[in-house]
Amino acid sequence: MARPRKPLLSRDRIVAAALAVVDAEGLQAVSTRRLAAELGVSGPSLYNHFRTKDEILDAVADTVVAQVDLSMFEDGTHWPEALVGWARSYRAALAAHPNIVPFLAQGPGRRPAGLRLADAVFGGMVDAGWPPAYATRIGAMMRYFVAGSALGSFARGFVGDPSAYDPADYPHLGQAHLLAEHQQRVDEGAFETGLRALVDGLAVQFEQLR
């Protein structure tokens, strides 16, 4: 029987299958047995490419982070606008795959794309004149903010039943039952409001340090 022209397995195929499972069912659904079944191979064959499930998830996380635009830290964009543009791109990448966010929250570890992201943000802030300690804090703060905004939805936390918000108990939530209908506008608006507040606050601190 002739050999197939392409290998049955590759790292990219495994990562794509794992990401599809994470997106559909969450991190807990990923196992080497499940991935082998999805790919139509035997479980041990995965170990030719990855030693552990966590290595697979590391590669999945890095694939998502690799989608983040870092060019604004390389093209001379003024640091406040660079932070805003990067944060928007970062949130878009995470919001497309929210189930991977808890794994990403563990930090970049040895993931190449994650380390490039950390390096770009830190380097961009230091090059702009921020002291290294502040640059580290800014990178951490922005990551907390972006990850949190991508992980959950404020609007989806409210039910569409107006009777759930008795004015006797919640006098200021008379319109809360409408929030879920406007999820994208509410959540994106909250992100943009918070992002601008953070960057504007950093600009004030930057002037005070000079």
N, C-alpha and C. Protein backbone atom coordinates (compact mmCIF):
# COMPACT_ATOMS: atom_id res chain seq x y z
N MET A 1 0.85 -1.20 0.00
CA MET A 1 0.00 0.00 0.00
C MET A 1 0.89 1.25 0.00
N ALA A 2 0.62 2.16 -0.90
CA ALA A 2 1.44 3.36 -1.01
C ALA A 2 1.30 4.23 0.23
N ARG A 3 2.40 4.86 0.61
CA ARG A 3 2.35 5.77 1.75
C ARG A 3 1.56 7.02 1.38
N PRO A 4 0.83 7.60 2.35
CA PRO A 4 0.14 8.86 2.06
C PRO A 4 1.14 9.96 1.76
N ARG A 5 0.77 10.85 0.87
CA ARG A 5 1.68 11.93 0.49
C ARG A 5 1.93 12.89 1.65
N LYS A 6 0.95 13.03 2.53
CA LYS A 6 1.10 13.92 3.68
C LYS A 6 1.04 13.11 4.97
N PRO A 7 1.80 13.47 5.98
CA PRO A 7 1.72 12.77 7.26
C PRO A 7 0.30 12.84 7.81
N LEU A 8 -0.09 11.75 8.46
CA LEU A 8 -1.43 11.73 9.03
C LEU A 8 -1.59 12.78 10.12
N LEU A 9 -0.52 12.99 10.87
CA LEU A 9 -0.56 13.94 11.97
C LEU A 9 0.50 15.02 11.80
N SER A 10 0.22 16.17 12.36
CA SER A 10 1.19 17.25 12.46
C SER A 10 0.85 18.05 13.70
N ARG A 11 1.79 18.83 14.17
CA ARG A 11 1.51 19.69 15.32
C ARG A 11 0.34 20.62 15.03
N ASP A 12 0.31 21.17 13.83
CA ASP A 12 -0.75 22.11 13.49
C ASP A 12 -2.12 21.46 13.53
N ARG A 13 -2.22 20.22 13.03
CA ARG A 13 -3.51 19.52 13.04
C ARG A 13 -3.96 19.24 14.47
N ILE A 14 -3.02 18.84 15.31
CA ILE A 14 -3.36 18.56 16.70
C ILE A 14 -3.82 19.83 17.40
N VAL A 15 -3.10 20.92 17.20
CA VAL A 15 -3.46 22.19 17.83
C VAL A 15 -4.82 22.67 17.35
N ALA A 16 -5.09 22.55 16.06
CA ALA A 16 -6.38 22.98 15.53
C ALA A 16 -7.51 22.16 16.12
N ALA A 17 -7.31 20.86 16.26
CA ALA A 17 -8.34 20.01 16.85
C ALA A 17 -8.56 20.35 18.32
N ALA A 18 -7.47 20.59 19.03
CA ALA A 18 -7.58 20.94 20.45
C ALA A 18 -8.29 22.27 20.63
N LEU A 19 -7.97 23.25 19.79
CA LEU A 19 -8.63 24.55 19.89
C LEU A 19 -10.13 24.42 19.62
N ALA A 20 -10.49 23.59 18.66
CA ALA A 20 -11.91 23.39 18.36
C ALA A 20 -12.65 22.78 19.55
N VAL A 21 -12.00 21.84 20.24
CA VAL A 21 -12.62 21.24 21.43
C VAL A 21 -12.73 22.27 22.55
N VAL A 22 -11.67 23.03 22.77
CA VAL A 22 -11.70 24.07 23.81
C VAL A 22 -12.81 25.07 23.52
N ASP A 23 -12.91 25.53 22.30
CA ASP A 23 -13.93 26.51 21.94
C ASP A 23 -15.34 25.96 22.17
N ALA A 24 -15.54 24.71 21.82
CA ALA A 24 -16.88 24.13 21.88
C ALA A 24 -17.28 23.67 23.28
N GLU A 25 -16.31 23.12 24.03
CA GLU A 25 -16.68 22.46 25.28
C GLU A 25 -15.85 22.88 26.50
N GLY A 26 -14.79 23.65 26.29
CA GLY A 26 -13.99 24.09 27.42
C GLY A 26 -12.73 23.26 27.64
N LEU A 27 -11.88 23.76 28.52
CA LEU A 27 -10.59 23.12 28.78
C LEU A 27 -10.72 21.70 29.30
N GLN A 28 -11.75 21.47 30.13
CA GLN A 28 -11.88 20.16 30.77
C GLN A 28 -12.19 19.05 29.77
N ALA A 29 -12.63 19.41 28.57
CA ALA A 29 -12.98 18.40 27.57
C ALA A 29 -11.76 17.89 26.80
N VAL A 30 -10.63 18.56 26.96
CA VAL A 30 -9.44 18.18 26.20
C VAL A 30 -8.71 17.02 26.89
N SER A 31 -8.47 15.99 26.15
CA SER A 31 -7.65 14.87 26.59
C SER A 31 -6.98 14.27 25.37
N THR A 32 -5.89 13.56 25.59
CA THR A 32 -5.22 12.94 24.45
C THR A 32 -6.13 11.91 23.79
N ARG A 33 -6.91 11.21 24.59
CA ARG A 33 -7.85 10.23 24.02
C ARG A 33 -8.89 10.91 23.14
N ARG A 34 -9.42 12.04 23.63
CA ARG A 34 -10.43 12.76 22.86
C ARG A 34 -9.83 13.29 21.55
N LEU A 35 -8.65 13.84 21.63
CA LEU A 35 -8.02 14.40 20.44
C LEU A 35 -7.69 13.31 19.43
N ALA A 36 -7.22 12.17 19.93
CA ALA A 36 -6.93 11.06 19.03
C ALA A 36 -8.19 10.63 18.29
N ALA A 37 -9.30 10.57 19.01
CA ALA A 37 -10.56 10.20 18.37
C ALA A 37 -10.98 11.23 17.33
N GLU A 38 -10.82 12.51 17.66
CA GLU A 38 -11.19 13.57 16.72
C GLU A 38 -10.34 13.50 15.45
N LEU A 39 -9.09 13.10 15.61
CA LEU A 39 -8.16 13.08 14.48
C LEU A 39 -8.10 11.73 13.78
N GLY A 40 -8.78 10.72 14.36
CA GLY A 40 -8.81 9.41 13.74
C GLY A 40 -7.50 8.67 13.82
N VAL A 41 -6.80 8.83 14.95
CA VAL A 41 -5.51 8.16 15.13
C VAL A 41 -5.50 7.47 16.49
N SER A 42 -4.45 6.74 16.76
CA SER A 42 -4.29 6.13 18.08
C SER A 42 -3.69 7.16 19.04
N GLY A 43 -4.05 7.04 20.30
CA GLY A 43 -3.58 7.99 21.30
C GLY A 43 -2.08 8.16 21.36
N PRO A 44 -1.31 7.06 21.39
CA PRO A 44 0.15 7.20 21.50
C PRO A 44 0.78 7.99 20.36
N SER A 45 0.14 8.06 19.22
CA SER A 45 0.75 8.78 18.09
C SER A 45 0.85 10.28 18.37
N LEU A 46 0.02 10.79 19.27
CA LEU A 46 0.10 12.21 19.62
C LEU A 46 1.43 12.53 20.30
N TYR A 47 1.99 11.53 21.00
CA TYR A 47 3.21 11.78 21.76
C TYR A 47 4.44 11.91 20.87
N ASN A 48 4.28 11.66 19.59
CA ASN A 48 5.36 11.95 18.65
C ASN A 48 5.53 13.45 18.45
N HIS A 49 4.50 14.21 18.85
CA HIS A 49 4.50 15.67 18.64
C HIS A 49 4.45 16.44 19.95
N PHE A 50 3.76 15.91 20.95
CA PHE A 50 3.63 16.57 22.25
C PHE A 50 3.79 15.53 23.35
N ARG A 51 4.52 15.89 24.39
CA ARG A 51 4.75 14.94 25.48
C ARG A 51 3.57 14.84 26.43
N THR A 52 2.84 15.96 26.63
CA THR A 52 1.75 15.98 27.60
C THR A 52 0.58 16.80 27.06
N LYS A 53 -0.55 16.66 27.74
CA LYS A 53 -1.71 17.47 27.38
C LYS A 53 -1.43 18.94 27.60
N ASP A 54 -0.71 19.27 28.66
CA ASP A 54 -0.39 20.68 28.92
C ASP A 54 0.46 21.27 27.80
N GLU A 55 1.33 20.48 27.21
CA GLU A 55 2.10 20.99 26.07
C GLU A 55 1.18 21.32 24.90
N ILE A 56 0.15 20.50 24.71
CA ILE A 56 -0.82 20.79 23.65
C ILE A 56 -1.54 22.09 23.96
N LEU A 57 -1.98 22.25 25.21
CA LEU A 57 -2.69 23.47 25.58
C LEU A 57 -1.78 24.70 25.50
N ASP A 58 -0.51 24.52 25.82
CA ASP A 58 0.44 25.62 25.64
C ASP A 58 0.47 26.06 24.18
N ALA A 59 0.50 25.09 23.28
CA ALA A 59 0.54 25.42 21.85
C ALA A 59 -0.76 26.07 21.40
N VAL A 60 -1.88 25.60 21.95
CA VAL A 60 -3.18 26.23 21.63
C VAL A 60 -3.18 27.68 22.10
N ALA A 61 -2.76 27.90 23.34
CA ALA A 61 -2.73 29.26 23.89
C ALA A 61 -1.83 30.16 23.05
N ASP A 62 -0.70 29.62 22.64
CA ASP A 62 0.23 30.44 21.87
C ASP A 62 -0.31 30.74 20.48
N THR A 63 -1.08 29.83 19.93
CA THR A 63 -1.71 30.07 18.63
C THR A 63 -2.68 31.25 18.71
N VAL A 64 -3.42 31.33 19.81
CA VAL A 64 -4.36 32.43 20.00
C VAL A 64 -3.59 33.74 20.19
N VAL A 65 -2.57 33.73 21.03
CA VAL A 65 -1.81 34.95 21.30
C VAL A 65 -1.07 35.43 20.05
N ALA A 66 -0.69 34.51 19.20
CA ALA A 66 0.03 34.89 17.97
C ALA A 66 -0.82 35.75 17.05
N GLN A 67 -2.13 35.78 17.27
CA GLN A 67 -3.02 36.59 16.44
C GLN A 67 -3.01 38.07 16.85
N VAL A 68 -2.40 38.38 17.99
CA VAL A 68 -2.42 39.74 18.51
C VAL A 68 -1.44 40.62 17.73
N ASP A 69 -1.90 41.78 17.34
CA ASP A 69 -1.08 42.74 16.60
C ASP A 69 -0.11 43.44 17.54
N LEU A 70 1.17 43.38 17.24
CA LEU A 70 2.21 44.05 18.04
C LEU A 70 2.92 45.14 17.26
N SER A 71 2.46 45.40 16.05
CA SER A 71 3.19 46.33 15.17
C SER A 71 3.25 47.74 15.72
N MET A 72 2.27 48.11 16.54
CA MET A 72 2.24 49.49 17.07
C MET A 72 3.41 49.79 18.00
N PHE A 73 4.06 48.75 18.51
CA PHE A 73 5.23 48.96 19.36
C PHE A 73 6.52 49.04 18.54
N GLU A 74 6.39 48.86 17.25
CA GLU A 74 7.57 48.85 16.38
C GLU A 74 7.57 50.00 15.37
N ASP A 75 6.42 50.64 15.18
CA ASP A 75 6.33 51.64 14.10
C ASP A 75 6.34 53.08 14.59
N GLY A 76 6.71 53.29 15.85
CA GLY A 76 6.82 54.65 16.37
C GLY A 76 5.53 55.25 16.88
N THR A 77 4.47 54.45 17.00
CA THR A 77 3.22 54.96 17.54
C THR A 77 3.43 55.45 18.97
N HIS A 78 2.87 56.63 19.30
CA HIS A 78 2.99 57.18 20.65
C HIS A 78 2.43 56.16 21.64
N TRP A 79 3.08 56.00 22.79
CA TRP A 79 2.77 54.90 23.68
C TRP A 79 1.30 54.80 24.10
N PRO A 80 0.56 55.91 24.37
CA PRO A 80 -0.85 55.71 24.74
C PRO A 80 -1.67 55.07 23.62
N GLU A 81 -1.46 55.53 22.38
CA GLU A 81 -2.19 54.96 21.26
C GLU A 81 -1.74 53.52 21.00
N ALA A 82 -0.45 53.26 21.24
CA ALA A 82 0.05 51.89 21.06
C ALA A 82 -0.63 50.94 22.05
N LEU A 83 -0.75 51.37 23.30
CA LEU A 83 -1.43 50.53 24.29
C LEU A 83 -2.87 50.29 23.92
N VAL A 84 -3.55 51.31 23.45
CA VAL A 84 -4.96 51.17 23.08
C VAL A 84 -5.11 50.21 21.91
N GLY A 85 -4.31 50.39 20.87
CA GLY A 85 -4.40 49.52 19.71
C GLY A 85 -4.08 48.08 20.04
N TRP A 86 -3.04 47.90 20.85
CA TRP A 86 -2.66 46.54 21.26
C TRP A 86 -3.75 45.90 22.11
N ALA A 87 -4.29 46.64 23.07
CA ALA A 87 -5.33 46.09 23.94
C ALA A 87 -6.56 45.68 23.15
N ARG A 88 -6.94 46.45 22.17
CA ARG A 88 -8.09 46.08 21.34
C ARG A 88 -7.83 44.80 20.56
N SER A 89 -6.63 44.69 20.00
CA SER A 89 -6.29 43.49 19.25
C SER A 89 -6.21 42.27 20.18
N TYR A 90 -5.65 42.47 21.34
CA TYR A 90 -5.52 41.39 22.33
C TYR A 90 -6.90 40.91 22.76
N ARG A 91 -7.79 41.85 23.06
CA ARG A 91 -9.14 41.46 23.48
C ARG A 91 -9.87 40.72 22.36
N ALA A 92 -9.72 41.18 21.13
CA ALA A 92 -10.39 40.52 20.01
C ALA A 92 -9.94 39.07 19.88
N ALA A 93 -8.64 38.84 20.05
CA ALA A 93 -8.11 37.47 19.96
C ALA A 93 -8.65 36.60 21.08
N LEU A 94 -8.68 37.13 22.29
CA LEU A 94 -9.16 36.35 23.43
C LEU A 94 -10.67 36.17 23.39
N ALA A 95 -11.40 37.20 22.99
CA ALA A 95 -12.86 37.11 22.95
C ALA A 95 -13.33 36.08 21.93
N ALA A 96 -12.52 35.82 20.91
CA ALA A 96 -12.87 34.80 19.92
C ALA A 96 -12.68 33.39 20.49
N HIS A 97 -11.91 33.27 21.57
CA HIS A 97 -11.64 31.97 22.18
C HIS A 97 -11.64 32.10 23.71
N PRO A 98 -12.75 32.49 24.31
CA PRO A 98 -12.75 32.80 25.75
C PRO A 98 -12.43 31.61 26.64
N ASN A 99 -12.68 30.39 26.17
CA ASN A 99 -12.44 29.23 27.03
C ASN A 99 -10.97 28.97 27.29
N ILE A 100 -10.08 29.54 26.47
CA ILE A 100 -8.65 29.34 26.68
C ILE A 100 -8.08 30.38 27.65
N VAL A 101 -8.86 31.41 27.98
CA VAL A 101 -8.35 32.51 28.80
C VAL A 101 -7.85 32.05 30.17
N PRO A 102 -8.57 31.16 30.88
CA PRO A 102 -8.03 30.73 32.19
C PRO A 102 -6.65 30.08 32.08
N PHE A 103 -6.40 29.36 31.01
CA PHE A 103 -5.08 28.76 30.82
C PHE A 103 -4.04 29.83 30.51
N LEU A 104 -4.43 30.79 29.70
CA LEU A 104 -3.52 31.89 29.37
C LEU A 104 -3.16 32.71 30.60
N ALA A 105 -4.08 32.77 31.56
CA ALA A 105 -3.86 33.60 32.75
C ALA A 105 -2.69 33.10 33.59
N GLN A 106 -2.24 31.87 33.34
CA GLN A 106 -1.10 31.34 34.09
C GLN A 106 0.21 32.04 33.70
N GLY A 107 0.20 32.78 32.61
CA GLY A 107 1.41 33.49 32.18
C GLY A 107 1.99 32.87 30.92
N PRO A 108 2.96 33.55 30.32
CA PRO A 108 3.50 33.09 29.05
C PRO A 108 4.40 31.87 29.14
N GLY A 109 4.96 31.59 30.35
CA GLY A 109 5.83 30.43 30.47
C GLY A 109 6.95 30.45 29.44
N ARG A 110 6.98 29.41 28.60
CA ARG A 110 7.97 29.32 27.52
C ARG A 110 7.32 29.48 26.15
N ARG A 111 6.08 29.97 26.12
CA ARG A 111 5.38 30.09 24.84
C ARG A 111 5.99 31.23 24.02
N PRO A 112 6.45 30.96 22.81
CA PRO A 112 7.12 32.00 22.02
C PRO A 112 6.25 33.22 21.74
N ALA A 113 5.01 33.03 21.32
CA ALA A 113 4.16 34.19 21.01
C ALA A 113 3.85 34.98 22.27
N GLY A 114 3.63 34.29 23.39
CA GLY A 114 3.37 34.97 24.64
C GLY A 114 4.57 35.78 25.11
N LEU A 115 5.76 35.23 24.92
CA LEU A 115 6.97 35.94 25.31
C LEU A 115 7.23 37.13 24.39
N ARG A 116 6.92 36.96 23.10
CA ARG A 116 7.08 38.10 22.18
C ARG A 116 6.12 39.23 22.56
N LEU A 117 4.91 38.86 22.98
CA LEU A 117 3.95 39.88 23.40
C LEU A 117 4.47 40.62 24.63
N ALA A 118 4.91 39.87 25.63
CA ALA A 118 5.42 40.51 26.85
C ALA A 118 6.62 41.38 26.54
N ASP A 119 7.50 40.90 25.67
CA ASP A 119 8.69 41.66 25.30
C ASP A 119 8.33 42.95 24.58
N ALA A 120 7.34 42.87 23.68
CA ALA A 120 6.95 44.05 22.90
C ALA A 120 6.34 45.13 23.79
N VAL A 121 5.46 44.73 24.71
CA VAL A 121 4.81 45.71 25.59
C VAL A 121 5.83 46.33 26.54
N PHE A 122 6.62 45.49 27.18
CA PHE A 122 7.64 46.01 28.10
C PHE A 122 8.63 46.91 27.36
N GLY A 123 9.12 46.44 26.24
CA GLY A 123 10.08 47.24 25.48
C GLY A 123 9.49 48.54 24.99
N GLY A 124 8.22 48.48 24.56
CA GLY A 124 7.57 49.70 24.09
C GLY A 124 7.43 50.74 25.17
N MET A 125 7.12 50.30 26.38
CA MET A 125 6.96 51.24 27.49
C MET A 125 8.32 51.81 27.93
N VAL A 126 9.32 50.95 28.01
CA VAL A 126 10.66 51.44 28.39
C VAL A 126 11.20 52.41 27.35
N ASP A 127 11.04 52.07 26.09
CA ASP A 127 11.51 52.96 25.02
C ASP A 127 10.79 54.31 25.06
N ALA A 128 9.54 54.31 25.55
CA ALA A 128 8.78 55.56 25.63
C ALA A 128 9.21 56.42 26.81
N GLY A 129 9.99 55.85 27.72
CA GLY A 129 10.47 56.62 28.86
C GLY A 129 9.97 56.15 30.20
N TRP A 130 9.18 55.08 30.24
CA TRP A 130 8.72 54.54 31.52
C TRP A 130 9.88 53.82 32.22
N PRO A 131 10.02 53.98 33.53
CA PRO A 131 11.01 53.18 34.26
C PRO A 131 10.65 51.69 34.14
N PRO A 132 11.63 50.81 34.10
CA PRO A 132 11.35 49.38 33.92
C PRO A 132 10.33 48.81 34.90
N ALA A 133 10.39 49.22 36.17
CA ALA A 133 9.44 48.69 37.14
C ALA A 133 8.01 49.07 36.77
N TYR A 134 7.82 50.30 36.31
CA TYR A 134 6.49 50.74 35.90
C TYR A 134 6.06 50.00 34.63
N ALA A 135 7.00 49.79 33.71
CA ALA A 135 6.67 49.08 32.47
C ALA A 135 6.16 47.68 32.77
N THR A 136 6.78 47.03 33.75
CA THR A 136 6.32 45.70 34.15
C THR A 136 4.91 45.76 34.70
N ARG A 137 4.64 46.74 35.56
CA ARG A 137 3.31 46.87 36.15
C ARG A 137 2.26 47.18 35.09
N ILE A 138 2.61 48.00 34.13
CA ILE A 138 1.67 48.36 33.07
C ILE A 138 1.30 47.12 32.26
N GLY A 139 2.30 46.33 31.89
CA GLY A 139 2.02 45.11 31.15
C GLY A 139 1.11 44.17 31.92
N ALA A 140 1.37 44.01 33.22
CA ALA A 140 0.54 43.15 34.06
C ALA A 140 -0.87 43.69 34.18
N MET A 141 -0.98 44.99 34.46
CA MET A 141 -2.30 45.60 34.63
C MET A 141 -3.14 45.45 33.37
N MET A 142 -2.54 45.72 32.22
CA MET A 142 -3.29 45.64 30.98
C MET A 142 -3.71 44.21 30.69
N ARG A 143 -2.85 43.26 31.02
CA ARG A 143 -3.21 41.86 30.79
C ARG A 143 -4.39 41.46 31.67
N TYR A 144 -4.38 41.90 32.95
CA TYR A 144 -5.52 41.60 33.83
C TYR A 144 -6.81 42.16 33.24
N PHE A 145 -6.73 43.40 32.81
CA PHE A 145 -7.93 44.08 32.31
C PHE A 145 -8.45 43.42 31.03
N VAL A 146 -7.57 43.16 30.10
CA VAL A 146 -8.00 42.58 28.83
C VAL A 146 -8.54 41.16 29.04
N ALA A 147 -7.83 40.35 29.80
CA ALA A 147 -8.27 38.98 30.03
C ALA A 147 -9.62 38.95 30.72
N GLY A 148 -9.80 39.81 31.72
CA GLY A 148 -11.09 39.85 32.41
C GLY A 148 -12.23 40.26 31.51
N SER A 149 -11.97 41.22 30.63
CA SER A 149 -13.04 41.69 29.75
C SER A 149 -13.39 40.65 28.69
N ALA A 150 -12.42 39.80 28.33
CA ALA A 150 -12.68 38.77 27.33
C ALA A 150 -13.31 37.52 27.94
N LEU A 151 -13.07 37.30 29.22
CA LEU A 151 -13.51 36.07 29.87
C LEU A 151 -15.01 36.05 30.14
N GLY A 152 -15.56 37.18 30.50
CA GLY A 152 -16.96 37.19 30.88
C GLY A 152 -17.75 38.28 30.21
N SER A 153 -19.05 38.25 30.43
CA SER A 153 -19.95 39.27 29.89
C SER A 153 -20.78 39.85 31.02
N PHE A 154 -20.64 41.14 31.25
CA PHE A 154 -21.47 41.80 32.25
C PHE A 154 -22.94 41.72 31.86
N ALA A 155 -23.22 41.98 30.60
CA ALA A 155 -24.60 42.02 30.14
C ALA A 155 -25.30 40.68 30.27
N ARG A 156 -24.59 39.60 29.97
CA ARG A 156 -25.21 38.27 30.05
C ARG A 156 -25.48 37.84 31.48
N GLY A 157 -24.96 38.58 32.43
CA GLY A 157 -25.19 38.23 33.83
C GLY A 157 -26.57 38.60 34.33
N PHE A 158 -27.36 39.29 33.51
CA PHE A 158 -28.70 39.71 33.90
C PHE A 158 -29.74 38.96 33.06
N VAL A 159 -30.81 38.54 33.70
CA VAL A 159 -31.87 37.80 33.00
C VAL A 159 -32.84 38.78 32.34
N GLY A 160 -33.58 38.28 31.36
CA GLY A 160 -34.49 39.13 30.61
C GLY A 160 -35.87 39.27 31.24
N ASP A 161 -36.03 38.78 32.45
CA ASP A 161 -37.32 38.83 33.14
C ASP A 161 -37.38 40.07 34.03
N PRO A 162 -38.22 41.06 33.70
CA PRO A 162 -38.26 42.28 34.52
C PRO A 162 -38.71 42.03 35.96
N SER A 163 -39.44 40.94 36.19
CA SER A 163 -39.90 40.67 37.55
C SER A 163 -38.76 40.27 38.49
N ALA A 164 -37.60 39.96 37.91
CA ALA A 164 -36.45 39.59 38.74
C ALA A 164 -35.87 40.79 39.48
N TYR A 165 -36.29 41.98 39.07
CA TYR A 165 -35.69 43.19 39.63
C TYR A 165 -36.79 44.06 40.26
N ASP A 166 -37.29 43.58 41.37
CA ASP A 166 -38.33 44.29 42.10
C ASP A 166 -37.80 45.65 42.54
N PRO A 167 -38.48 46.74 42.14
CA PRO A 167 -37.98 48.07 42.50
C PRO A 167 -37.90 48.30 44.00
N ALA A 168 -38.67 47.52 44.77
CA ALA A 168 -38.59 47.66 46.22
C ALA A 168 -37.23 47.19 46.73
N ASP A 169 -36.65 46.22 46.02
CA ASP A 169 -35.34 45.69 46.43
C ASP A 169 -34.18 46.31 45.65
N TYR A 170 -34.45 46.60 44.36
CA TYR A 170 -33.39 47.11 43.47
C TYR A 170 -33.90 48.35 42.75
N PRO A 171 -33.95 49.47 43.44
CA PRO A 171 -34.57 50.68 42.87
C PRO A 171 -33.85 51.23 41.65
N HIS A 172 -32.62 50.82 41.41
CA HIS A 172 -31.86 51.37 40.28
C HIS A 172 -31.68 50.38 39.14
N LEU A 173 -32.35 49.24 39.20
CA LEU A 173 -32.18 48.22 38.17
C LEU A 173 -33.44 48.03 37.33
N GLY A 174 -34.20 49.08 37.16
CA GLY A 174 -35.44 48.99 36.40
C GLY A 174 -35.27 48.60 34.95
N GLN A 175 -34.08 48.84 34.38
CA GLN A 175 -33.81 48.50 32.98
C GLN A 175 -32.83 47.33 32.85
N ALA A 176 -32.52 46.68 33.95
CA ALA A 176 -31.50 45.63 33.91
C ALA A 176 -31.91 44.46 33.02
N HIS A 177 -33.22 44.21 32.89
CA HIS A 177 -33.67 43.09 32.07
C HIS A 177 -33.39 43.30 30.58
N LEU A 178 -33.03 44.52 30.20
CA LEU A 178 -32.75 44.82 28.80
C LEU A 178 -31.27 44.65 28.44
N LEU A 179 -30.43 44.47 29.45
CA LEU A 179 -28.99 44.45 29.20
C LEU A 179 -28.58 43.31 28.27
N ALA A 180 -29.14 42.13 28.49
CA ALA A 180 -28.72 40.98 27.69
C ALA A 180 -29.01 41.18 26.21
N GLU A 181 -30.05 41.96 25.89
CA GLU A 181 -30.39 42.22 24.48
C GLU A 181 -29.31 43.06 23.79
N HIS A 182 -28.56 43.79 24.59
CA HIS A 182 -27.56 44.70 24.03
C HIS A 182 -26.17 44.30 24.50
N GLN A 183 -25.93 43.00 24.55
CA GLN A 183 -24.70 42.48 25.12
C GLN A 183 -23.46 43.07 24.48
N GLN A 184 -23.38 43.03 23.16
CA GLN A 184 -22.15 43.48 22.49
C GLN A 184 -21.89 44.95 22.76
N ARG A 185 -22.95 45.77 22.66
CA ARG A 185 -22.77 47.20 22.88
C ARG A 185 -22.36 47.49 24.32
N VAL A 186 -23.00 46.79 25.28
CA VAL A 186 -22.68 47.03 26.69
C VAL A 186 -21.26 46.59 27.01
N ASP A 187 -20.91 45.37 26.59
CA ASP A 187 -19.61 44.84 26.96
C ASP A 187 -18.48 45.57 26.24
N GLU A 188 -18.64 45.86 24.97
CA GLU A 188 -17.60 46.59 24.26
C GLU A 188 -17.49 48.03 24.76
N GLY A 189 -18.64 48.62 25.10
CA GLY A 189 -18.61 49.97 25.65
C GLY A 189 -17.91 50.01 26.99
N ALA A 190 -18.14 48.99 27.82
CA ALA A 190 -17.47 48.92 29.11
C ALA A 190 -15.96 48.77 28.92
N PHE A 191 -15.57 47.94 27.96
CA PHE A 191 -14.15 47.76 27.69
C PHE A 191 -13.51 49.07 27.23
N GLU A 192 -14.16 49.75 26.29
CA GLU A 192 -13.59 51.00 25.77
C GLU A 192 -13.52 52.07 26.85
N THR A 193 -14.54 52.15 27.69
CA THR A 193 -14.54 53.13 28.78
C THR A 193 -13.41 52.85 29.76
N GLY A 194 -13.25 51.59 30.14
CA GLY A 194 -12.19 51.22 31.06
C GLY A 194 -10.81 51.41 30.46
N LEU A 195 -10.68 51.05 29.18
CA LEU A 195 -9.39 51.19 28.52
C LEU A 195 -8.96 52.65 28.47
N ARG A 196 -9.87 53.52 28.10
CA ARG A 196 -9.53 54.93 28.03
C ARG A 196 -9.20 55.48 29.41
N ALA A 197 -9.94 55.04 30.43
CA ALA A 197 -9.66 55.51 31.79
C ALA A 197 -8.27 55.07 32.24
N LEU A 198 -7.92 53.84 31.93
CA LEU A 198 -6.60 53.34 32.31
C LEU A 198 -5.48 54.11 31.61
N VAL A 199 -5.62 54.28 30.30
CA VAL A 199 -4.56 54.94 29.55
C VAL A 199 -4.46 56.41 29.92
N ASP A 200 -5.60 57.07 30.11
CA ASP A 200 -5.56 58.47 30.53
C ASP A 200 -4.92 58.61 31.90
N GLY A 201 -5.22 57.67 32.79
CA GLY A 201 -4.60 57.70 34.12
C GLY A 201 -3.11 57.48 34.05
N LEU A 202 -2.68 56.59 33.16
CA LEU A 202 -1.25 56.36 32.99
C LEU A 202 -0.56 57.61 32.44
N ALA A 203 -1.23 58.33 31.56
CA ALA A 203 -0.64 59.55 31.01
C ALA A 203 -0.38 60.58 32.10
N VAL A 204 -1.29 60.66 33.08
CA VAL A 204 -1.10 61.57 34.20
C VAL A 204 0.12 61.13 35.03
N GLN A 205 0.21 59.83 35.30
CA GLN A 205 1.35 59.33 36.06
C GLN A 205 2.67 59.55 35.32
N PHE A 206 2.64 59.39 34.00
CA PHE A 206 3.83 59.56 33.20
C PHE A 206 4.37 60.99 33.33
N GLU A 207 3.48 61.96 33.29
CA GLU A 207 3.90 63.36 33.43
C GLU A 207 4.44 63.63 34.81
N GLN A 208 3.90 62.96 35.82
CA GLN A 208 4.37 63.17 37.19
C GLN A 208 5.77 62.57 37.41
N LEU A 209 6.12 61.57 36.62
CA LEU A 209 7.42 60.94 36.76
C LEU A 209 8.53 61.70 36.06
N ARG A 210 8.18 62.60 35.20
CA ARG A 210 9.18 63.30 34.40
C ARG A 210 9.80 64.47 35.19
